[in-house]
């Protein structure tokens, strides 16, 4: 179970980054709360708050399932979570931008 939690910690922490940066830059960016979920624009405040929630969930998972960073299975699972959500979101938002939804 710890590996699953660490995987999701990486996914939540990775997903926090684009929402936090868009919110802090004052830019619109898709979120689950936009009209046309995940494709339409959400306000900077909504993105900042969504990014904070993702960061808090990721950190809470790491607090409850601590691991020692290094060359080990725990670190590999964290990086795998980052990789999976990073690849998914880059492909998804690339498609959203090409279709002109943003």
PDB file of N, CA and C in Angstrom:
ATOM      1  N   UNK A   1       0.825  -1.204   0.000  1.00  0.00           N
ATOM      2  CA  UNK A   1       0.000   0.000   0.000  1.00  0.00           C
ATOM      3  C   UNK A   1       0.862   1.257   0.000  1.00  0.00           C
ATOM      4  N   UNK A   2       2.007   1.202   0.622  1.00  0.00           N
ATOM      5  CA  UNK A   2       2.876   2.368   0.697  1.00  0.00           C
ATOM      6  C   UNK A   2       3.346   2.803  -0.689  1.00  0.00           C
ATOM      7  N   UNK A   3       3.626   1.827  -1.568  1.00  0.00           N
ATOM      8  CA  UNK A   3       4.068   2.172  -2.917  1.00  0.00           C
ATOM      9  C   UNK A   3       2.990   2.916  -3.688  1.00  0.00           C
ATOM     10  N   UNK A   4       1.740   2.508  -3.512  1.00  0.00           N
ATOM     11  CA  UNK A   4       0.616   3.167  -4.186  1.00  0.00           C
ATOM     12  C   UNK A   4       0.476   4.603  -3.685  1.00  0.00           C
ATOM     13  N   UNK A   5       0.575   4.797  -2.385  1.00  0.00           N
ATOM     14  CA  UNK A   5       0.465   6.139  -1.806  1.00  0.00           C
ATOM     15  C   UNK A   5       1.589   7.039  -2.294  1.00  0.00           C
ATOM     16  N   UNK A   6       2.799   6.503  -2.364  1.00  0.00           N
ATOM     17  CA  UNK A   6       3.940   7.298  -2.825  1.00  0.00           C
ATOM     18  C   UNK A   6       3.795   7.629  -4.309  1.00  0.00           C
ATOM     19  N   UNK A   7       3.282   6.691  -5.107  1.00  0.00           N
ATOM     20  CA  UNK A   7       2.996   6.964  -6.519  1.00  0.00           C
ATOM     21  C   UNK A   7       2.030   8.142  -6.635  1.00  0.00           C
ATOM     22  N   UNK A   8       0.921   8.110  -5.875  1.00  0.00           N
ATOM     23  CA  UNK A   8      -0.061   9.186  -5.952  1.00  0.00           C
ATOM     24  C   UNK A   8       0.473  10.493  -5.372  1.00  0.00           C
ATOM     25  N   UNK A   9       1.368  10.421  -4.400  1.00  0.00           N
ATOM     26  CA  UNK A   9       2.006  11.639  -3.897  1.00  0.00           C
ATOM     27  C   UNK A   9       2.754  12.327  -5.034  1.00  0.00           C
ATOM     28  N   UNK A  10       3.496  11.561  -5.815  1.00  0.00           N
ATOM     29  CA  UNK A  10       4.208  12.130  -6.963  1.00  0.00           C
ATOM     30  C   UNK A  10       3.257  12.713  -7.984  1.00  0.00           C
ATOM     31  N   UNK A  11       2.148  12.011  -8.244  1.00  0.00           N
ATOM     32  CA  UNK A  11       1.166  12.499  -9.221  1.00  0.00           C
ATOM     33  C   UNK A  11       0.529  13.806  -8.744  1.00  0.00           C
ATOM     34  N   UNK A  12       0.119  13.863  -7.478  1.00  0.00           N
ATOM     35  CA  UNK A  12      -0.499  15.089  -6.956  1.00  0.00           C
ATOM     36  C   UNK A  12       0.495  16.249  -6.937  1.00  0.00           C
ATOM     37  N   UNK A  13       1.727  15.990  -6.535  1.00  0.00           N
ATOM     38  CA  UNK A  13       2.722  17.066  -6.496  1.00  0.00           C
ATOM     39  C   UNK A  13       3.034  17.579  -7.897  1.00  0.00           C
ATOM     40  N   UNK A  14       3.105  16.690  -8.860  1.00  0.00           N
ATOM     41  CA  UNK A  14       3.338  17.108 -10.246  1.00  0.00           C
ATOM     42  C   UNK A  14       2.155  17.924 -10.768  1.00  0.00           C
ATOM     43  N   UNK A  15       0.943  17.484 -10.479  1.00  0.00           N
ATOM     44  CA  UNK A  15      -0.250  18.188 -10.950  1.00  0.00           C
ATOM     45  C   UNK A  15      -0.406  19.554 -10.287  1.00  0.00           C
ATOM     46  N   UNK A  16       0.162  19.729  -9.106  1.00  0.00           N
ATOM     47  CA  UNK A  16       0.071  21.021  -8.418  1.00  0.00           C
ATOM     48  C   UNK A  16       0.841  22.111  -9.172  1.00  0.00           C
ATOM     49  N   UNK A  17       1.927  21.735  -9.820  1.00  0.00           N
ATOM     50  CA  UNK A  17       2.824  22.732 -10.421  1.00  0.00           C
ATOM     51  C   UNK A  17       2.175  23.623 -11.476  1.00  0.00           C
ATOM     52  N   UNK A  18       1.526  23.082 -12.508  1.00  0.00           N
ATOM     53  CA  UNK A  18       0.976  23.994 -13.520  1.00  0.00           C
ATOM     54  C   UNK A  18      -0.149  24.872 -12.983  1.00  0.00           C
ATOM     55  N   UNK A  19      -0.932  24.333 -12.046  1.00  0.00           N
ATOM     56  CA  UNK A  19      -2.033  25.122 -11.494  1.00  0.00           C
ATOM     57  C   UNK A  19      -1.508  26.234 -10.591  1.00  0.00           C
ATOM     58  N   UNK A  20      -0.523  25.929  -9.774  1.00  0.00           N
ATOM     59  CA  UNK A  20       0.063  26.964  -8.922  1.00  0.00           C
ATOM     60  C   UNK A  20       0.733  28.049  -9.753  1.00  0.00           C
ATOM     61  N   UNK A  21       1.509  27.655 -10.752  1.00  0.00           N
ATOM     62  CA  UNK A  21       2.214  28.666 -11.540  1.00  0.00           C
ATOM     63  C   UNK A  21       1.246  29.515 -12.358  1.00  0.00           C
ATOM     64  N   UNK A  22       0.212  28.911 -12.920  1.00  0.00           N
ATOM     65  CA  UNK A  22      -0.774  29.706 -13.665  1.00  0.00           C
ATOM     66  C   UNK A  22      -1.468  30.683 -12.728  1.00  0.00           C
ATOM     67  N   UNK A  23      -1.854  30.208 -11.559  1.00  0.00           N
ATOM     68  CA  UNK A  23      -2.526  31.087 -10.605  1.00  0.00           C
ATOM     69  C   UNK A  23      -1.626  32.223 -10.146  1.00  0.00           C
ATOM     70  N   UNK A  24      -0.373  31.923  -9.846  1.00  0.00           N
ATOM     71  CA  UNK A  24       0.552  32.952  -9.376  1.00  0.00           C
ATOM     72  C   UNK A  24       0.910  33.955 -10.463  1.00  0.00           C
ATOM     73  N   UNK A  25       0.868  33.534 -11.723  1.00  0.00           N
ATOM     74  CA  UNK A  25       1.141  34.450 -12.842  1.00  0.00           C
ATOM     75  C   UNK A  25      -0.107  35.216 -13.263  1.00  0.00           C
ATOM     76  N   UNK A  26      -1.254  34.884 -12.654  1.00  0.00           N
ATOM     77  CA  UNK A  26      -2.493  35.577 -13.009  1.00  0.00           C
ATOM     78  C   UNK A  26      -3.059  35.139 -14.344  1.00  0.00           C
ATOM     79  N   UNK A  27      -2.758  33.911 -14.765  1.00  0.00           N
ATOM     80  CA  UNK A  27      -3.222  33.411 -16.058  1.00  0.00           C
ATOM     81  C   UNK A  27      -4.354  32.418 -15.888  1.00  0.00           C
ATOM     82  N   UNK A  28      -5.237  32.369 -16.882  1.00  0.00           N
ATOM     83  CA  UNK A  28      -6.266  31.339 -16.893  1.00  0.00           C
ATOM     84  C   UNK A  28      -5.629  30.029 -17.344  1.00  0.00           C
ATOM     85  N   UNK A  29      -6.187  28.928 -16.868  1.00  0.00           N
ATOM     86  CA  UNK A  29      -5.677  27.598 -17.201  1.00  0.00           C
ATOM     87  C   UNK A  29      -6.798  26.608 -16.907  1.00  0.00           C
ATOM     88  N   UNK A  30      -6.919  25.546 -17.675  1.00  0.00           N
ATOM     89  CA  UNK A  30      -7.998  24.583 -17.434  1.00  0.00           C
ATOM     90  C   UNK A  30      -7.878  23.911 -16.058  1.00  0.00           C
ATOM     91  N   UNK A  31      -9.009  23.639 -15.479  1.00  0.00           N
ATOM     92  CA  UNK A  31      -9.066  22.884 -14.233  1.00  0.00           C
ATOM     93  C   UNK A  31     -10.326  22.024 -14.263  1.00  0.00           C
ATOM     94  N   UNK A  32     -10.483  21.141 -13.298  1.00  0.00           N
ATOM     95  CA  UNK A  32     -11.710  20.331 -13.261  1.00  0.00           C
ATOM     96  C   UNK A  32     -12.963  21.164 -13.025  1.00  0.00           C
ATOM     97  N   UNK A  33     -12.804  22.414 -12.629  1.00  0.00           N
ATOM     98  CA  UNK A  33     -13.947  23.267 -12.308  1.00  0.00           C
ATOM     99  C   UNK A  33     -14.365  24.169 -13.458  1.00  0.00           C
ATOM    100  N   UNK A  34     -13.668  24.099 -14.579  1.00  0.00           N
ATOM    101  CA  UNK A  34     -14.015  24.943 -15.723  1.00  0.00           C
ATOM    102  C   UNK A  34     -15.201  24.357 -16.476  1.00  0.00           C
ATOM    103  N   UNK A  35     -15.874  25.226 -17.223  1.00  0.00           N
ATOM    104  CA  UNK A  35     -16.911  24.732 -18.120  1.00  0.00           C
ATOM    105  C   UNK A  35     -16.189  23.982 -19.219  1.00  0.00           C
ATOM    106  N   UNK A  36     -16.641  22.801 -19.533  1.00  0.00           N
ATOM    107  CA  UNK A  36     -15.907  21.832 -20.337  1.00  0.00           C
ATOM    108  C   UNK A  36     -14.694  21.394 -19.515  1.00  0.00           C
ATOM    109  N   UNK A  37     -14.967  20.584 -18.498  1.00  0.00           N
ATOM    110  CA  UNK A  37     -13.981  20.163 -17.497  1.00  0.00           C
ATOM    111  C   UNK A  37     -12.635  19.808 -18.100  1.00  0.00           C
ATOM    112  N   UNK A  38     -11.592  20.447 -17.579  1.00  0.00           N
ATOM    113  CA  UNK A  38     -10.241  20.161 -18.025  1.00  0.00           C
ATOM    114  C   UNK A  38      -9.869  20.738 -19.368  1.00  0.00           C
ATOM    115  N   UNK A  39     -10.788  21.487 -19.985  1.00  0.00           N
ATOM    116  CA  UNK A  39     -10.492  22.086 -21.296  1.00  0.00           C
ATOM    117  C   UNK A  39     -10.725  23.581 -21.313  1.00  0.00           C
ATOM    118  N   UNK A  40     -11.785  24.034 -20.665  1.00  0.00           N
ATOM    119  CA  UNK A  40     -12.088  25.458 -20.637  1.00  0.00           C
ATOM    120  C   UNK A  40     -11.233  26.182 -19.616  1.00  0.00           C
ATOM    121  N   UNK A  41     -11.170  27.510 -19.707  1.00  0.00           N
ATOM    122  CA  UNK A  41     -10.331  28.268 -18.783  1.00  0.00           C
ATOM    123  C   UNK A  41     -10.953  28.401 -17.392  1.00  0.00           C
ATOM    124  N   UNK A  42     -10.111  28.321 -16.388  1.00  0.00           N
ATOM    125  CA  UNK A  42     -10.488  28.620 -15.005  1.00  0.00           C
ATOM    126  C   UNK A  42      -9.693  29.840 -14.563  1.00  0.00           C
ATOM    127  N   UNK A  43     -10.241  30.578 -13.633  1.00  0.00           N
ATOM    128  CA  UNK A  43      -9.590  31.807 -13.175  1.00  0.00           C
ATOM    129  C   UNK A  43      -8.273  31.500 -12.468  1.00  0.00           C
ATOM    130  N   UNK A  44      -7.400  32.503 -12.374  1.00  0.00           N
ATOM    131  CA  UNK A  44      -6.148  32.311 -11.647  1.00  0.00           C
ATOM    132  C   UNK A  44      -6.368  31.888 -10.191  1.00  0.00           C
ATOM    133  N   UNK A  45      -7.381  32.460  -9.532  1.00  0.00           N
ATOM    134  CA  UNK A  45      -7.639  32.091  -8.133  1.00  0.00           C
ATOM    135  C   UNK A  45      -8.046  30.628  -8.014  1.00  0.00           C
ATOM    136  N   UNK A  46      -8.929  30.166  -8.893  1.00  0.00           N
ATOM    137  CA  UNK A  46      -9.347  28.759  -8.872  1.00  0.00           C
ATOM    138  C   UNK A  46      -8.137  27.861  -9.091  1.00  0.00           C
ATOM    139  N   UNK A  47      -7.272  28.223 -10.020  1.00  0.00           N
ATOM    140  CA  UNK A  47      -6.085  27.414 -10.280  1.00  0.00           C
ATOM    141  C   UNK A  47      -5.126  27.405  -9.107  1.00  0.00           C
ATOM    142  N   UNK A  48      -4.939  28.550  -8.489  1.00  0.00           N
ATOM    143  CA  UNK A  48      -4.052  28.588  -7.323  1.00  0.00           C
ATOM    144  C   UNK A  48      -4.595  27.693  -6.211  1.00  0.00           C
ATOM    145  N   UNK A  49      -5.881  27.803  -5.934  1.00  0.00           N
ATOM    146  CA  UNK A  49      -6.483  26.984  -4.871  1.00  0.00           C
ATOM    147  C   UNK A  49      -6.446  25.499  -5.213  1.00  0.00           C
ATOM    148  N   UNK A  50      -6.706  25.149  -6.467  1.00  0.00           N
ATOM    149  CA  UNK A  50      -6.644  23.757  -6.902  1.00  0.00           C
ATOM    150  C   UNK A  50      -5.207  23.232  -6.797  1.00  0.00           C
ATOM    151  N   UNK A  51      -4.250  24.052  -7.171  1.00  0.00           N
ATOM    152  CA  UNK A  51      -2.850  23.661  -7.042  1.00  0.00           C
ATOM    153  C   UNK A  51      -2.443  23.461  -5.591  1.00  0.00           C
ATOM    154  N   UNK A  52      -2.907  24.337  -4.706  1.00  0.00           N
ATOM    155  CA  UNK A  52      -2.609  24.193  -3.276  1.00  0.00           C
ATOM    156  C   UNK A  52      -3.208  22.913  -2.722  1.00  0.00           C
ATOM    157  N   UNK A  53      -4.442  22.599  -3.118  1.00  0.00           N
ATOM    158  CA  UNK A  53      -5.066  21.368  -2.642  1.00  0.00           C
ATOM    159  C   UNK A  53      -4.266  20.149  -3.119  1.00  0.00           C
ATOM    160  N   UNK A  54      -3.849  20.151  -4.378  1.00  0.00           N
ATOM    161  CA  UNK A  54      -3.034  19.050  -4.893  1.00  0.00           C
ATOM    162  C   UNK A  54      -1.721  18.935  -4.123  1.00  0.00           C
ATOM    163  N   UNK A  55      -1.072  20.059  -3.856  1.00  0.00           N
ATOM    164  CA  UNK A  55       0.188  20.041  -3.109  1.00  0.00           C
ATOM    165  C   UNK A  55      -0.025  19.510  -1.691  1.00  0.00           C
ATOM    166  N   UNK A  56      -1.098  19.945  -1.043  1.00  0.00           N
ATOM    167  CA  UNK A  56      -1.371  19.476   0.317  1.00  0.00           C
ATOM    168  C   UNK A  56      -1.668  17.981   0.356  1.00  0.00           C
ATOM    169  N   UNK A  57      -2.409  17.487  -0.623  1.00  0.00           N
ATOM    170  CA  UNK A  57      -2.692  16.046  -0.676  1.00  0.00           C
ATOM    171  C   UNK A  57      -1.399  15.264  -0.902  1.00  0.00           C
ATOM    172  N   UNK A  58      -0.577  15.724  -1.835  1.00  0.00           N
ATOM    173  CA  UNK A  58       0.699  15.054  -2.092  1.00  0.00           C
ATOM    174  C   UNK A  58       1.599  15.043  -0.870  1.00  0.00           C
ATOM    175  N   UNK A  59       1.672  16.183  -0.181  1.00  0.00           N
ATOM    176  CA  UNK A  59       2.503  16.247   1.024  1.00  0.00           C
ATOM    177  C   UNK A  59       1.925  15.395   2.144  1.00  0.00           C
ATOM    178  N   UNK A  60       0.605  15.387   2.296  1.00  0.00           N
ATOM    179  CA  UNK A  60      -0.032  14.552   3.328  1.00  0.00           C
ATOM    180  C   UNK A  60       0.258  13.076   3.083  1.00  0.00           C
ATOM    181  N   UNK A  61       0.223  12.663   1.826  1.00  0.00           N
ATOM    182  CA  UNK A  61       0.551  11.275   1.512  1.00  0.00           C
ATOM    183  C   UNK A  61       1.990  10.948   1.888  1.00  0.00           C
ATOM    184  N   UNK A  62       2.898  11.884   1.646  1.00  0.00           N
ATOM    185  CA  UNK A  62       4.299  11.641   2.005  1.00  0.00           C
ATOM    186  C   UNK A  62       4.511  11.643   3.518  1.00  0.00           C
ATOM    187  N   UNK A  63       3.739  12.446   4.246  1.00  0.00           N
ATOM    188  CA  UNK A  63       3.853  12.463   5.704  1.00  0.00           C
ATOM    189  C   UNK A  63       3.372  11.133   6.287  1.00  0.00           C
ATOM    190  N   UNK A  64       2.289  10.606   5.729  1.00  0.00           N
ATOM    191  CA  UNK A  64       1.737   9.355   6.254  1.00  0.00           C
ATOM    192  C   UNK A  64       2.446   8.119   5.719  1.00  0.00           C
ATOM    193  N   UNK A  65       3.190   8.276   4.641  1.00  0.00           N
ATOM    194  CA  UNK A  65       3.957   7.169   4.053  1.00  0.00           C
ATOM    195  C   UNK A  65       5.362   7.674   3.746  1.00  0.00           C
ATOM    196  N   UNK A  66       6.132   7.990   4.785  1.00  0.00           N
ATOM    197  CA  UNK A  66       7.461   8.566   4.548  1.00  0.00           C
ATOM    198  C   UNK A  66       8.398   7.581   3.854  1.00  0.00           C
ATOM    199  N   UNK A  67       9.358   8.144   3.174  1.00  0.00           N
ATOM    200  CA  UNK A  67      10.357   7.321   2.503  1.00  0.00           C
ATOM    201  C   UNK A  67      11.687   8.039   2.527  1.00  0.00           C
ATOM    202  N   UNK A  68      12.738   7.286   2.353  1.00  0.00           N
ATOM    203  CA  UNK A  68      14.080   7.843   2.306  1.00  0.00           C
ATOM    204  C   UNK A  68      14.454   8.074   0.846  1.00  0.00           C
ATOM    205  N   UNK A  69      14.668   9.329   0.460  1.00  0.00           N
ATOM    206  CA  UNK A  69      15.069   9.589  -0.923  1.00  0.00           C
ATOM    207  C   UNK A  69      16.390   8.887  -1.232  1.00  0.00           C
ATOM    208  N   UNK A  70      16.517   8.456  -2.439  1.00  0.00           N
ATOM    209  CA  UNK A  70      17.735   7.787  -2.866  1.00  0.00           C
ATOM    210  C   UNK A  70      17.424   6.847  -4.014  1.00  0.00           C
ATOM    211  N   UNK A  71      18.334   5.969  -4.272  1.00  0.00           N
ATOM    212  CA  UNK A  71      18.142   4.977  -5.323  1.00  0.00           C
ATOM    213  C   UNK A  71      17.452   3.781  -4.667  1.00  0.00           C
ATOM    214  N   UNK A  72      16.110   3.820  -4.655  1.00  0.00           N
ATOM    215  CA  UNK A  72      15.331   2.758  -4.030  1.00  0.00           C
ATOM    216  C   UNK A  72      13.949   2.693  -4.675  1.00  0.00           C
ATOM    217  N   UNK A  73      13.178   1.714  -4.304  1.00  0.00           N
ATOM    218  CA  UNK A  73      11.864   1.497  -4.906  1.00  0.00           C
ATOM    219  C   UNK A  73      10.913   2.647  -4.578  1.00  0.00           C
ATOM    220  N   UNK A  74      10.982   3.182  -3.347  1.00  0.00           N
ATOM    221  CA  UNK A  74      10.098   4.290  -2.972  1.00  0.00           C
ATOM    222  C   UNK A  74      10.319   5.503  -3.881  1.00  0.00           C
ATOM    223  N   UNK A  75      11.567   5.870  -4.072  1.00  0.00           N
ATOM    224  CA  UNK A  75      11.861   7.016  -4.942  1.00  0.00           C
ATOM    225  C   UNK A  75      11.446   6.738  -6.378  1.00  0.00           C
ATOM    226  N   UNK A  76      11.616   5.502  -6.815  1.00  0.00           N
ATOM    227  CA  UNK A  76      11.197   5.140  -8.172  1.00  0.00           C
ATOM    228  C   UNK A  76       9.691   5.284  -8.322  1.00  0.00           C
ATOM    229  N   UNK A  77       8.931   4.907  -7.310  1.00  0.00           N
ATOM    230  CA  UNK A  77       7.467   5.036  -7.368  1.00  0.00           C
ATOM    231  C   UNK A  77       7.056   6.506  -7.391  1.00  0.00           C
ATOM    232  N   UNK A  78       7.716   7.340  -6.596  1.00  0.00           N
ATOM    233  CA  UNK A  78       7.410   8.775  -6.596  1.00  0.00           C
ATOM    234  C   UNK A  78       7.676   9.354  -7.987  1.00  0.00           C
ATOM    235  N   UNK A  79       8.822   9.036  -8.559  1.00  0.00           N
ATOM    236  CA  UNK A  79       9.158   9.541  -9.889  1.00  0.00           C
ATOM    237  C   UNK A  79       8.239   8.965 -10.961  1.00  0.00           C
ATOM    238  N   UNK A  80       7.803   7.721 -10.785  1.00  0.00           N
ATOM    239  CA  UNK A  80       6.876   7.120 -11.731  1.00  0.00           C
ATOM    240  C   UNK A  80       5.536   7.854 -11.698  1.00  0.00           C
ATOM    241  N   UNK A  81       5.075   8.246 -10.501  1.00  0.00           N
ATOM    242  CA  UNK A  81       3.851   9.043 -10.385  1.00  0.00           C
ATOM    243  C   UNK A  81       3.989  10.384 -11.095  1.00  0.00           C
ATOM    244  N   UNK A  82       5.129  11.030 -10.923  1.00  0.00           N
ATOM    245  CA  UNK A  82       5.402  12.295 -11.613  1.00  0.00           C
ATOM    246  C   UNK A  82       5.416  12.066 -13.122  1.00  0.00           C
ATOM    247  N   UNK A  83       6.070  11.001 -13.561  1.00  0.00           N
ATOM    248  CA  UNK A  83       6.173  10.700 -14.988  1.00  0.00           C
ATOM    249  C   UNK A  83       4.802  10.444 -15.612  1.00  0.00           C
ATOM    250  N   UNK A  84       3.992   9.634 -14.972  1.00  0.00           N
ATOM    251  CA  UNK A  84       2.683   9.283 -15.532  1.00  0.00           C
ATOM    252  C   UNK A  84       1.799  10.517 -15.659  1.00  0.00           C
ATOM    253  N   UNK A  85       1.653  11.298 -14.590  1.00  0.00           N
ATOM    254  CA  UNK A  85       0.762  12.465 -14.671  1.00  0.00           C
ATOM    255  C   UNK A  85       1.394  13.543 -15.561  1.00  0.00           C
ATOM    256  N   UNK A  86       2.713  13.648 -15.564  1.00  0.00           N
ATOM    257  CA  UNK A  86       3.380  14.622 -16.428  1.00  0.00           C
ATOM    258  C   UNK A  86       3.168  14.341 -17.901  1.00  0.00           C
ATOM    259  N   UNK A  87       3.321  13.087 -18.299  1.00  0.00           N
ATOM    260  CA  UNK A  87       3.099  12.714 -19.698  1.00  0.00           C
ATOM    261  C   UNK A  87       1.632  12.915 -20.063  1.00  0.00           C
ATOM    262  N   UNK A  88       0.726  12.453 -19.199  1.00  0.00           N
ATOM    263  CA  UNK A  88      -0.703  12.595 -19.486  1.00  0.00           C
ATOM    264  C   UNK A  88      -1.097  14.062 -19.652  1.00  0.00           C
ATOM    265  N   UNK A  89      -0.698  14.916 -18.700  1.00  0.00           N
ATOM    266  CA  UNK A  89      -1.126  16.318 -18.769  1.00  0.00           C
ATOM    267  C   UNK A  89      -0.454  17.061 -19.921  1.00  0.00           C
ATOM    268  N   UNK A  90       0.800  16.739 -20.233  1.00  0.00           N
ATOM    269  CA  UNK A  90       1.439  17.437 -21.349  1.00  0.00           C
ATOM    270  C   UNK A  90       0.757  17.092 -22.666  1.00  0.00           C
ATOM    271  N   UNK A  91       0.385  15.839 -22.849  1.00  0.00           N
ATOM    272  CA  UNK A  91      -0.332  15.446 -24.066  1.00  0.00           C
ATOM    273  C   UNK A  91      -1.730  16.072 -24.081  1.00  0.00           C
ATOM    274  N   UNK A  92      -2.433  16.009 -22.952  1.00  0.00           N
ATOM    275  CA  UNK A  92      -3.795  16.550 -22.875  1.00  0.00           C
ATOM    276  C   UNK A  92      -3.813  18.057 -23.144  1.00  0.00           C
ATOM    277  N   UNK A  93      -2.978  18.813 -22.438  1.00  0.00           N
ATOM    278  CA  UNK A  93      -3.020  20.269 -22.597  1.00  0.00           C
ATOM    279  C   UNK A  93      -2.412  20.720 -23.920  1.00  0.00           C
ATOM    280  N   UNK A  94      -1.508  19.941 -24.490  1.00  0.00           N
ATOM    281  CA  UNK A  94      -1.037  20.224 -25.847  1.00  0.00           C
ATOM    282  C   UNK A  94      -2.185  20.129 -26.836  1.00  0.00           C
ATOM    283  N   UNK A  95      -3.013  19.102 -26.674  1.00  0.00           N
ATOM    284  CA  UNK A  95      -4.182  18.932 -27.543  1.00  0.00           C
ATOM    285  C   UNK A  95      -5.188  20.070 -27.323  1.00  0.00           C
ATOM    286  N   UNK A  96      -5.409  20.445 -26.069  1.00  0.00           N
ATOM    287  CA  UNK A  96      -6.340  21.534 -25.755  1.00  0.00           C
ATOM    288  C   UNK A  96      -5.883  22.823 -26.422  1.00  0.00           C
ATOM    289  N   UNK A  97      -4.591  23.119 -26.363  1.00  0.00           N
ATOM    290  CA  UNK A  97      -4.080  24.351 -26.982  1.00  0.00           C
ATOM    291  C   UNK A  97      -4.165  24.293 -28.506  1.00  0.00           C
ATOM    292  N   UNK A  98      -3.885  23.146 -29.088  1.00  0.00           N
ATOM    293  CA  UNK A  98      -3.983  23.023 -30.554  1.00  0.00           C
ATOM    294  C   UNK A  98      -5.430  23.211 -31.021  1.00  0.00           C
ATOM    295  N   UNK A  99      -6.381  22.733 -30.235  1.00  0.00           N
ATOM    296  CA  UNK A  99      -7.797  22.875 -30.605  1.00  0.00           C
ATOM    297  C   UNK A  99      -8.326  24.272 -30.330  1.00  0.00           C
ATOM    298  N   UNK A 100      -7.522  25.106 -29.678  1.00  0.00           N
ATOM    299  CA  UNK A 100      -7.916  26.487 -29.455  1.00  0.00           C
ATOM    300  C   UNK A 100      -8.850  26.710 -28.295  1.00  0.00           C
ATOM    301  N   UNK A 101      -8.933  25.766 -27.371  1.00  0.00           N
ATOM    302  CA  UNK A 101      -9.804  25.949 -26.205  1.00  0.00           C
ATOM    303  C   UNK A 101      -9.241  26.968 -25.227  1.00  0.00           C
ATOM    304  N   UNK A 102      -7.942  27.227 -25.302  1.00  0.00           N
ATOM    305  CA  UNK A 102      -7.329  28.229 -24.409  1.00  0.00           C
ATOM    306  C   UNK A 102      -6.961  29.465 -25.179  1.00  0.00           C
TER     307      UNK A 102
END
